């Protein structure tokens, strides 16, 4: 893991098109801003982990062929 020190209003770049800026520091909280292309999904880690767990559960479910066909009927 790379650890960087930044002050308020300072940024770091991830690649050519993702910018992370420290917006505000209050006590033990740091407010950050993220500028990224709309094609890049951005989640808080706890939400990301919940999504991954739900996707895993969904992938483990057994769904019969008829149910899938009914989902795609127009």
C-alpha atoms as a PDB file:
ATOM      1  CA  UNK A   1       0.000   0.000   0.000  1.00  0.00           C
ATOM      2  CA  UNK A   2       1.232   3.461  -0.890  1.00  0.00           C
ATOM      3  CA  UNK A   3       0.651   6.047   1.864  1.00  0.00           C
ATOM      4  CA  UNK A   4       0.627   9.717   0.870  1.00  0.00           C
ATOM      5  CA  UNK A   5       0.271  12.841   3.002  1.00  0.00           C
ATOM      6  CA  UNK A   6      -2.032  15.550   1.655  1.00  0.00           C
ATOM      7  CA  UNK A   7      -3.349  18.795   3.125  1.00  0.00           C
ATOM      8  CA  UNK A   8      -6.746  20.316   2.524  1.00  0.00           C
ATOM      9  CA  UNK A   9      -7.279  21.202  -1.170  1.00  0.00           C
ATOM     10  CA  UNK A  10      -4.402  18.964  -2.281  1.00  0.00           C
ATOM     11  CA  UNK A  11      -4.974  16.052  -4.663  1.00  0.00           C
ATOM     12  CA  UNK A  12      -3.544  12.815  -5.944  1.00  0.00           C
ATOM     13  CA  UNK A  13      -4.038  11.354  -9.419  1.00  0.00           C
ATOM     14  CA  UNK A  14      -4.843   7.731 -10.210  1.00  0.00           C
ATOM     15  CA  UNK A  15      -3.846   7.153 -13.792  1.00  0.00           C
ATOM     16  CA  UNK A  16      -4.676   9.967 -16.194  1.00  0.00           C
ATOM     17  CA  UNK A  17      -8.311  10.560 -15.369  1.00  0.00           C
ATOM     18  CA  UNK A  18      -9.083   9.980 -11.674  1.00  0.00           C
ATOM     19  CA  UNK A  19      -8.378  12.775  -9.202  1.00  0.00           C
ATOM     20  CA  UNK A  20      -8.842  12.432  -5.438  1.00  0.00           C
ATOM     21  CA  UNK A  21      -8.900  15.707  -3.502  1.00  0.00           C
ATOM     22  CA  UNK A  22      -8.866  16.312   0.256  1.00  0.00           C
ATOM     23  CA  UNK A  23     -11.755  18.742   0.707  1.00  0.00           C
ATOM     24  CA  UNK A  24     -11.848  19.169   4.457  1.00  0.00           C
ATOM     25  CA  UNK A  25     -10.251  17.848   7.630  1.00  0.00           C
ATOM     26  CA  UNK A  26     -12.239  18.050  10.891  1.00  0.00           C
ATOM     27  CA  UNK A  27     -10.950  16.163  13.894  1.00  0.00           C
ATOM     28  CA  UNK A  28     -10.725  12.494  12.939  1.00  0.00           C
ATOM     29  CA  UNK A  29     -12.794  12.874   9.751  1.00  0.00           C
ATOM     30  CA  UNK A  30     -11.460  13.606   6.297  1.00  0.00           C
ATOM     31  CA  UNK A  31     -13.834  14.649   3.522  1.00  0.00           C
ATOM     32  CA  UNK A  32     -12.600  13.677   0.064  1.00  0.00           C
ATOM     33  CA  UNK A  33     -13.811  14.377  -3.443  1.00  0.00           C
ATOM     34  CA  UNK A  34     -13.370  12.079  -6.421  1.00  0.00           C
ATOM     35  CA  UNK A  35     -13.350  13.218 -10.055  1.00  0.00           C
ATOM     36  CA  UNK A  36     -13.588  10.272 -12.415  1.00  0.00           C
ATOM     37  CA  UNK A  37     -15.190   9.353 -15.732  1.00  0.00           C
ATOM     38  CA  UNK A  38     -18.844   8.325 -15.466  1.00  0.00           C
ATOM     39  CA  UNK A  39     -17.830   4.836 -16.591  1.00  0.00           C
ATOM     40  CA  UNK A  40     -15.933   4.332 -13.311  1.00  0.00           C
ATOM     41  CA  UNK A  41     -18.095   3.013 -10.465  1.00  0.00           C
ATOM     42  CA  UNK A  42     -17.288   4.581  -7.098  1.00  0.00           C
ATOM     43  CA  UNK A  43     -18.541   3.038  -3.840  1.00  0.00           C
ATOM     44  CA  UNK A  44     -17.696   3.265  -0.158  1.00  0.00           C
ATOM     45  CA  UNK A  45     -15.906   0.024   0.692  1.00  0.00           C
ATOM     46  CA  UNK A  46     -18.639  -1.284   3.008  1.00  0.00           C
ATOM     47  CA  UNK A  47     -21.227  -0.831   0.237  1.00  0.00           C
ATOM     48  CA  UNK A  48     -18.910  -2.465  -2.318  1.00  0.00           C
ATOM     49  CA  UNK A  49     -18.509  -5.499  -0.051  1.00  0.00           C
ATOM     50  CA  UNK A  50     -22.300  -5.781   0.367  1.00  0.00           C
ATOM     51  CA  UNK A  51     -22.757  -5.691  -3.408  1.00  0.00           C
ATOM     52  CA  UNK A  52     -20.138  -8.417  -3.832  1.00  0.00           C
ATOM     53  CA  UNK A  53     -21.859 -10.599  -1.211  1.00  0.00           C
ATOM     54  CA  UNK A  54     -25.283 -10.156  -2.855  1.00  0.00           C
ATOM     55  CA  UNK A  55     -23.800 -10.985  -6.262  1.00  0.00           C
ATOM     56  CA  UNK A  56     -22.247 -14.129  -4.805  1.00  0.00           C
ATOM     57  CA  UNK A  57     -25.587 -15.193  -3.290  1.00  0.00           C
ATOM     58  CA  UNK A  58     -27.400 -14.548  -6.566  1.00  0.00           C
ATOM     59  CA  UNK A  59     -24.842 -16.592  -8.506  1.00  0.00           C
ATOM     60  CA  UNK A  60     -25.324 -19.538  -6.145  1.00  0.00           C
ATOM     61  CA  UNK A  61     -29.107 -19.650  -6.592  1.00  0.00           C
ATOM     62  CA  UNK A  62     -30.547 -22.388  -8.753  1.00  0.00           C
ATOM     63  CA  UNK A  63     -32.928 -20.973 -11.340  1.00  0.00           C
ATOM     64  CA  UNK A  64     -34.695 -23.241 -13.788  1.00  0.00           C
ATOM     65  CA  UNK A  65     -34.693 -22.678 -17.544  1.00  0.00           C
ATOM     66  CA  UNK A  66     -38.380 -21.681 -17.660  1.00  0.00           C
ATOM     67  CA  UNK A  67     -37.879 -18.876 -15.129  1.00  0.00           C
ATOM     68  CA  UNK A  68     -35.028 -17.426 -17.181  1.00  0.00           C
ATOM     69  CA  UNK A  69     -37.043 -17.657 -20.403  1.00  0.00           C
ATOM     70  CA  UNK A  70     -39.963 -15.842 -18.748  1.00  0.00           C
ATOM     71  CA  UNK A  71     -37.662 -13.003 -17.699  1.00  0.00           C
ATOM     72  CA  UNK A  72     -36.735 -12.329 -21.326  1.00  0.00           C
ATOM     73  CA  UNK A  73     -40.174 -12.596 -22.911  1.00  0.00           C
ATOM     74  CA  UNK A  74     -41.381  -9.380 -24.512  1.00  0.00           C
END
